[in-house]
Amino acid sequence: MNGMDNTPEKRCCDECGHTGTDGGSTSESYCGACGATVPYPEKDICQSCGATNCMLVACPKCGGRYSLDEEQSNDIHAV
């Protein structure tokens, strides 16, 4: 939730273009340091490169970086 109007945060995958309000993958994370998609880590440490505080939300479709949609408009629906 974005706190402004109690609607889910809308996201867009930087890799495949998937959009939605589904919150991202529940089994994988995307490393902002090396770009690897790895199994969801117990701690904020990339299992591929060892970087810390870099794990981001992964796309539920392809595992790519699932960024907040800058526009946050109402035309994105979970797929």
C-alpha atoms as a PDB file:
ATOM      1  CA  MET A   1       0.000   0.000   0.000  1.00  0.00           C
ATOM      2  CA  ASN A   2       1.276   3.429  -0.788  1.00  0.00           C
ATOM      3  CA  GLY A   3      -0.229   5.182   2.260  1.00  0.00           C
ATOM      4  CA  MET A   4      -1.592   8.064   0.191  1.00  0.00           C
ATOM      5  CA  ASP A   5      -4.927   6.546  -0.794  1.00  0.00           C
ATOM      6  CA  ASN A   6      -4.821   2.951   0.494  1.00  0.00           C
ATOM      7  CA  THR A   7      -4.341   1.446  -2.977  1.00  0.00           C
ATOM      8  CA  PRO A   8      -1.696  -1.192  -3.727  1.00  0.00           C
ATOM      9  CA  GLU A   9       1.582   0.026  -5.174  1.00  0.00           C
ATOM     10  CA  LYS A  10       1.757  -0.510  -8.907  1.00  0.00           C
ATOM     11  CA  ARG A  11       4.940  -2.036 -10.317  1.00  0.00           C
ATOM     12  CA  CYS A  12       6.446  -2.574 -13.752  1.00  0.00           C
ATOM     13  CA  CYS A  13       9.140  -5.056 -14.744  1.00  0.00           C
ATOM     14  CA  ASP A  14      12.207  -3.446 -16.298  1.00  0.00           C
ATOM     15  CA  GLU A  15      12.876  -6.684 -18.240  1.00  0.00           C
ATOM     16  CA  CYS A  16       9.580  -8.086 -19.616  1.00  0.00           C
ATOM     17  CA  GLY A  17       7.225  -5.131 -19.078  1.00  0.00           C
ATOM     18  CA  HIS A  18       4.831  -7.043 -16.806  1.00  0.00           C
ATOM     19  CA  THR A  19       2.738  -4.631 -14.752  1.00  0.00           C
ATOM     20  CA  GLY A  20       0.607  -5.240 -11.716  1.00  0.00           C
ATOM     21  CA  THR A  21      -0.154  -4.765  -8.074  1.00  0.00           C
ATOM     22  CA  ASP A  22       0.821  -8.298  -7.117  1.00  0.00           C
ATOM     23  CA  GLY A  23       3.815  -7.274  -4.980  1.00  0.00           C
ATOM     24  CA  GLY A  24       6.423  -9.264  -6.871  1.00  0.00           C
ATOM     25  CA  SER A  25       7.854 -12.743  -6.691  1.00  0.00           C
ATOM     26  CA  THR A  26       7.537 -14.629  -3.419  1.00  0.00           C
ATOM     27  CA  SER A  27      10.355 -17.037  -4.275  1.00  0.00           C
ATOM     28  CA  GLU A  28      13.024 -14.847  -5.925  1.00  0.00           C
ATOM     29  CA  SER A  29      14.795 -11.519  -5.411  1.00  0.00           C
ATOM     30  CA  TYR A  30      16.661  -9.319  -7.871  1.00  0.00           C
ATOM     31  CA  CYS A  31      20.149  -8.055  -6.977  1.00  0.00           C
ATOM     32  CA  GLY A  32      20.547  -4.333  -7.621  1.00  0.00           C
ATOM     33  CA  ALA A  33      24.339  -4.710  -7.553  1.00  0.00           C
ATOM     34  CA  CYS A  34      24.977  -7.492 -10.079  1.00  0.00           C
ATOM     35  CA  GLY A  35      21.578  -7.987 -11.758  1.00  0.00           C
ATOM     36  CA  ALA A  36      21.232 -11.629 -10.736  1.00  0.00           C
ATOM     37  CA  THR A  37      17.896 -13.187  -9.904  1.00  0.00           C
ATOM     38  CA  VAL A  38      18.394 -15.513  -6.949  1.00  0.00           C
ATOM     39  CA  PRO A  39      16.199 -17.536  -4.598  1.00  0.00           C
ATOM     40  CA  TYR A  40      14.646 -15.237  -1.987  1.00  0.00           C
ATOM     41  CA  PRO A  41      17.419 -14.774   0.594  1.00  0.00           C
ATOM     42  CA  GLU A  42      16.952 -15.061   4.344  1.00  0.00           C
ATOM     43  CA  LYS A  43      19.153 -11.964   4.782  1.00  0.00           C
ATOM     44  CA  ASP A  44      19.696  -8.980   2.473  1.00  0.00           C
ATOM     45  CA  ILE A  45      22.799 -10.535   0.883  1.00  0.00           C
ATOM     46  CA  CYS A  46      23.085 -11.538  -2.780  1.00  0.00           C
ATOM     47  CA  GLN A  47      23.855 -15.221  -3.110  1.00  0.00           C
ATOM     48  CA  SER A  48      25.550 -14.559  -6.447  1.00  0.00           C
ATOM     49  CA  CYS A  49      27.930 -11.630  -5.776  1.00  0.00           C
ATOM     50  CA  GLY A  50      27.855 -11.308  -1.964  1.00  0.00           C
ATOM     51  CA  ALA A  51      26.759  -7.643  -1.967  1.00  0.00           C
ATOM     52  CA  THR A  52      24.651  -6.512   0.998  1.00  0.00           C
ATOM     53  CA  ASN A  53      21.572  -4.273   1.242  1.00  0.00           C
ATOM     54  CA  CYS A  54      20.923  -4.646  -2.473  1.00  0.00           C
ATOM     55  CA  MET A  55      18.113  -7.173  -2.838  1.00  0.00           C
ATOM     56  CA  LEU A  56      15.090  -5.781  -4.682  1.00  0.00           C
ATOM     57  CA  VAL A  57      11.623  -6.997  -5.611  1.00  0.00           C
ATOM     58  CA  ALA A  58      11.714  -9.479  -8.517  1.00  0.00           C
ATOM     59  CA  CYS A  59       9.046  -9.741 -11.224  1.00  0.00           C
ATOM     60  CA  PRO A  60       6.666 -12.649 -10.599  1.00  0.00           C
ATOM     61  CA  LYS A  61       6.728 -13.480 -14.340  1.00  0.00           C
ATOM     62  CA  CYS A  62      10.424 -13.405 -15.296  1.00  0.00           C
ATOM     63  CA  GLY A  63      12.464 -12.572 -12.172  1.00  0.00           C
ATOM     64  CA  GLY A  64      13.652  -9.201 -13.542  1.00  0.00           C
ATOM     65  CA  ARG A  65      13.734  -5.967 -11.529  1.00  0.00           C
ATOM     66  CA  TYR A  66      10.144  -5.084 -10.552  1.00  0.00           C
ATOM     67  CA  SER A  67      10.219  -1.320 -10.023  1.00  0.00           C
ATOM     68  CA  LEU A  68       7.541   0.972  -8.678  1.00  0.00           C
ATOM     69  CA  ASP A  69       5.560   2.447 -11.552  1.00  0.00           C
ATOM     70  CA  GLU A  70       6.343   6.161 -11.496  1.00  0.00           C
ATOM     71  CA  GLU A  71       2.872   7.189 -12.669  1.00  0.00           C
ATOM     72  CA  GLN A  72       0.872   5.073 -10.180  1.00  0.00           C
ATOM     73  CA  SER A  73      -2.180   5.552 -12.423  1.00  0.00           C
ATOM     74  CA  ASN A  74      -5.295   3.379 -12.229  1.00  0.00           C
ATOM     75  CA  ASP A  75      -4.789   1.719 -15.642  1.00  0.00           C
ATOM     76  CA  ILE A  76      -2.481  -1.088 -14.421  1.00  0.00           C
ATOM     77  CA  HIS A  77      -4.109  -4.350 -13.415  1.00  0.00           C
ATOM     78  CA  ALA A  78      -2.572  -7.470 -11.911  1.00  0.00           C
ATOM     79  CA  VAL A  79      -2.220 -10.166 -14.563  1.00  0.00           C
END
